[in-house]
């Protein structure tokens, strides 16, 4: 998409260069510190993920998943999204 957006605005040898990287994210670094520990706990305690996956998320499973940052962060995002937007208990909103 960025190549198409810059076509005609930058020289072709820059726009169509093959050795380009996107915007790499330091996922492993992000999950290696306190954020990773908080995310790990959030995934492990998520009632939504337990229901969705039809099983408890074992420590063994999480230790395998944490080695793969993308699936780990996807699980965390699912758990947090549900907690924030769908679970009124966690938001302190009454159901009246």
C-alpha atoms as a PDB file:
ATOM      1  CA  UNK A   1       0.000   0.000   0.000  1.00  0.00           C
ATOM      2  CA  UNK A   2       2.772   2.451   0.849  1.00  0.00           C
ATOM      3  CA  UNK A   3       4.417   1.757  -2.514  1.00  0.00           C
ATOM      4  CA  UNK A   4       1.228   2.667  -4.354  1.00  0.00           C
ATOM      5  CA  UNK A   5       0.725   5.773  -2.212  1.00  0.00           C
ATOM      6  CA  UNK A   6       4.224   7.043  -3.044  1.00  0.00           C
ATOM      7  CA  UNK A   7       4.191   6.071  -6.731  1.00  0.00           C
ATOM      8  CA  UNK A   8       4.809   9.231  -8.738  1.00  0.00           C
ATOM      9  CA  UNK A   9       5.848  11.146  -5.631  1.00  0.00           C
ATOM     10  CA  UNK A  10       9.221   9.455  -5.131  1.00  0.00           C
ATOM     11  CA  UNK A  11      11.671   8.146  -7.732  1.00  0.00           C
ATOM     12  CA  UNK A  12      10.786   4.623  -8.950  1.00  0.00           C
ATOM     13  CA  UNK A  13      14.136   3.208  -7.802  1.00  0.00           C
ATOM     14  CA  UNK A  14      13.122   4.108  -4.234  1.00  0.00           C
ATOM     15  CA  UNK A  15       9.438   3.139  -4.411  1.00  0.00           C
ATOM     16  CA  UNK A  16      10.038  -0.293  -5.965  1.00  0.00           C
ATOM     17  CA  UNK A  17      13.295  -1.158  -4.166  1.00  0.00           C
ATOM     18  CA  UNK A  18      13.253  -4.854  -3.118  1.00  0.00           C
ATOM     19  CA  UNK A  19      15.382  -4.581   0.030  1.00  0.00           C
ATOM     20  CA  UNK A  20      12.792  -2.600   1.978  1.00  0.00           C
ATOM     21  CA  UNK A  21      11.487  -3.549   5.381  1.00  0.00           C
ATOM     22  CA  UNK A  22       8.093  -2.509   6.610  1.00  0.00           C
ATOM     23  CA  UNK A  23       7.808  -1.132  10.071  1.00  0.00           C
ATOM     24  CA  UNK A  24       9.251  -3.942  12.185  1.00  0.00           C
ATOM     25  CA  UNK A  25       7.900  -4.175  15.707  1.00  0.00           C
ATOM     26  CA  UNK A  26       9.995  -5.288  18.695  1.00  0.00           C
ATOM     27  CA  UNK A  27       7.424  -7.884  19.782  1.00  0.00           C
ATOM     28  CA  UNK A  28       9.855 -10.134  21.647  1.00  0.00           C
ATOM     29  CA  UNK A  29      11.197  -7.147  23.561  1.00  0.00           C
ATOM     30  CA  UNK A  30       7.671  -6.005  24.470  1.00  0.00           C
ATOM     31  CA  UNK A  31       6.661  -9.354  25.947  1.00  0.00           C
ATOM     32  CA  UNK A  32       9.934 -10.006  27.764  1.00  0.00           C
ATOM     33  CA  UNK A  33       9.360  -7.467  30.561  1.00  0.00           C
ATOM     34  CA  UNK A  34       6.561  -6.440  32.902  1.00  0.00           C
ATOM     35  CA  UNK A  35       4.073  -6.074  30.065  1.00  0.00           C
ATOM     36  CA  UNK A  36       4.643  -9.714  29.090  1.00  0.00           C
ATOM     37  CA  UNK A  37       4.015 -10.853  32.646  1.00  0.00           C
ATOM     38  CA  UNK A  38       0.819  -8.811  32.892  1.00  0.00           C
ATOM     39  CA  UNK A  39      -0.341 -10.101  29.504  1.00  0.00           C
ATOM     40  CA  UNK A  40       0.478 -13.674  30.550  1.00  0.00           C
ATOM     41  CA  UNK A  41      -1.637 -13.308  33.711  1.00  0.00           C
ATOM     42  CA  UNK A  42      -4.468 -11.718  31.771  1.00  0.00           C
ATOM     43  CA  UNK A  43      -4.539 -14.583  29.256  1.00  0.00           C
ATOM     44  CA  UNK A  44      -4.330 -17.218  31.982  1.00  0.00           C
ATOM     45  CA  UNK A  45      -7.236 -15.699  33.943  1.00  0.00           C
ATOM     46  CA  UNK A  46      -9.486 -14.858  30.988  1.00  0.00           C
ATOM     47  CA  UNK A  47     -12.921 -16.449  31.354  1.00  0.00           C
ATOM     48  CA  UNK A  48     -13.642 -15.487  27.757  1.00  0.00           C
ATOM     49  CA  UNK A  49     -10.632 -17.384  26.370  1.00  0.00           C
ATOM     50  CA  UNK A  50     -11.440 -20.416  28.509  1.00  0.00           C
ATOM     51  CA  UNK A  51     -14.964 -20.435  27.082  1.00  0.00           C
ATOM     52  CA  UNK A  52     -13.788 -19.726  23.537  1.00  0.00           C
ATOM     53  CA  UNK A  53     -11.113 -22.435  23.572  1.00  0.00           C
ATOM     54  CA  UNK A  54     -13.327 -24.842  25.575  1.00  0.00           C
ATOM     55  CA  UNK A  55     -10.471 -25.512  27.989  1.00  0.00           C
ATOM     56  CA  UNK A  56      -8.337 -23.932  30.670  1.00  0.00           C
ATOM     57  CA  UNK A  57      -5.179 -22.412  29.327  1.00  0.00           C
ATOM     58  CA  UNK A  58      -2.448 -24.401  30.968  1.00  0.00           C
ATOM     59  CA  UNK A  59       0.886 -22.995  32.035  1.00  0.00           C
ATOM     60  CA  UNK A  60       2.521 -25.423  29.608  1.00  0.00           C
ATOM     61  CA  UNK A  61       0.473 -24.102  26.689  1.00  0.00           C
ATOM     62  CA  UNK A  62       1.200 -20.500  27.608  1.00  0.00           C
ATOM     63  CA  UNK A  63       4.917 -21.182  27.906  1.00  0.00           C
ATOM     64  CA  UNK A  64       4.851 -22.499  24.327  1.00  0.00           C
ATOM     65  CA  UNK A  65       2.755 -19.604  23.041  1.00  0.00           C
ATOM     66  CA  UNK A  66       4.890 -16.922  24.705  1.00  0.00           C
ATOM     67  CA  UNK A  67       7.808 -18.070  22.546  1.00  0.00           C
ATOM     68  CA  UNK A  68       5.745 -16.938  19.550  1.00  0.00           C
ATOM     69  CA  UNK A  69       5.004 -13.227  20.090  1.00  0.00           C
ATOM     70  CA  UNK A  70       2.255 -12.828  17.493  1.00  0.00           C
ATOM     71  CA  UNK A  71      -0.108 -15.574  18.771  1.00  0.00           C
ATOM     72  CA  UNK A  72       0.652 -14.515  22.346  1.00  0.00           C
ATOM     73  CA  UNK A  73      -0.306 -10.910  21.645  1.00  0.00           C
ATOM     74  CA  UNK A  74      -3.397 -12.007  19.727  1.00  0.00           C
ATOM     75  CA  UNK A  75      -4.608 -13.986  22.737  1.00  0.00           C
ATOM     76  CA  UNK A  76      -3.887 -11.011  24.974  1.00  0.00           C
ATOM     77  CA  UNK A  77      -5.770  -8.667  22.636  1.00  0.00           C
ATOM     78  CA  UNK A  78      -8.793 -10.986  22.557  1.00  0.00           C
ATOM     79  CA  UNK A  79      -8.845 -11.272  26.339  1.00  0.00           C
ATOM     80  CA  UNK A  80      -8.473  -7.515  26.914  1.00  0.00           C
ATOM     81  CA  UNK A  81     -10.935  -6.545  24.206  1.00  0.00           C
ATOM     82  CA  UNK A  82     -13.594  -8.755  25.735  1.00  0.00           C
ATOM     83  CA  UNK A  83     -12.783  -7.562  29.240  1.00  0.00           C
ATOM     84  CA  UNK A  84     -12.994  -3.885  28.290  1.00  0.00           C
ATOM     85  CA  UNK A  85     -15.847  -3.826  25.799  1.00  0.00           C
ATOM     86  CA  UNK A  86     -18.117  -6.772  26.624  1.00  0.00           C
ATOM     87  CA  UNK A  87     -17.712  -7.742  30.240  1.00  0.00           C
ATOM     88  CA  UNK A  88     -19.613  -5.122  32.220  1.00  0.00           C
ATOM     89  CA  UNK A  89     -18.406  -6.550  35.563  1.00  0.00           C
ATOM     90  CA  UNK A  90     -14.797  -5.655  34.728  1.00  0.00           C
ATOM     91  CA  UNK A  91     -15.776  -2.133  33.699  1.00  0.00           C
ATOM     92  CA  UNK A  92     -17.727  -1.471  36.880  1.00  0.00           C
ATOM     93  CA  UNK A  93     -20.925  -0.885  34.894  1.00  0.00           C
ATOM     94  CA  UNK A  94     -24.162  -2.077  36.357  1.00  0.00           C
ATOM     95  CA  UNK A  95     -26.446  -4.201  34.213  1.00  0.00           C
ATOM     96  CA  UNK A  96     -29.588  -2.197  35.118  1.00  0.00           C
END
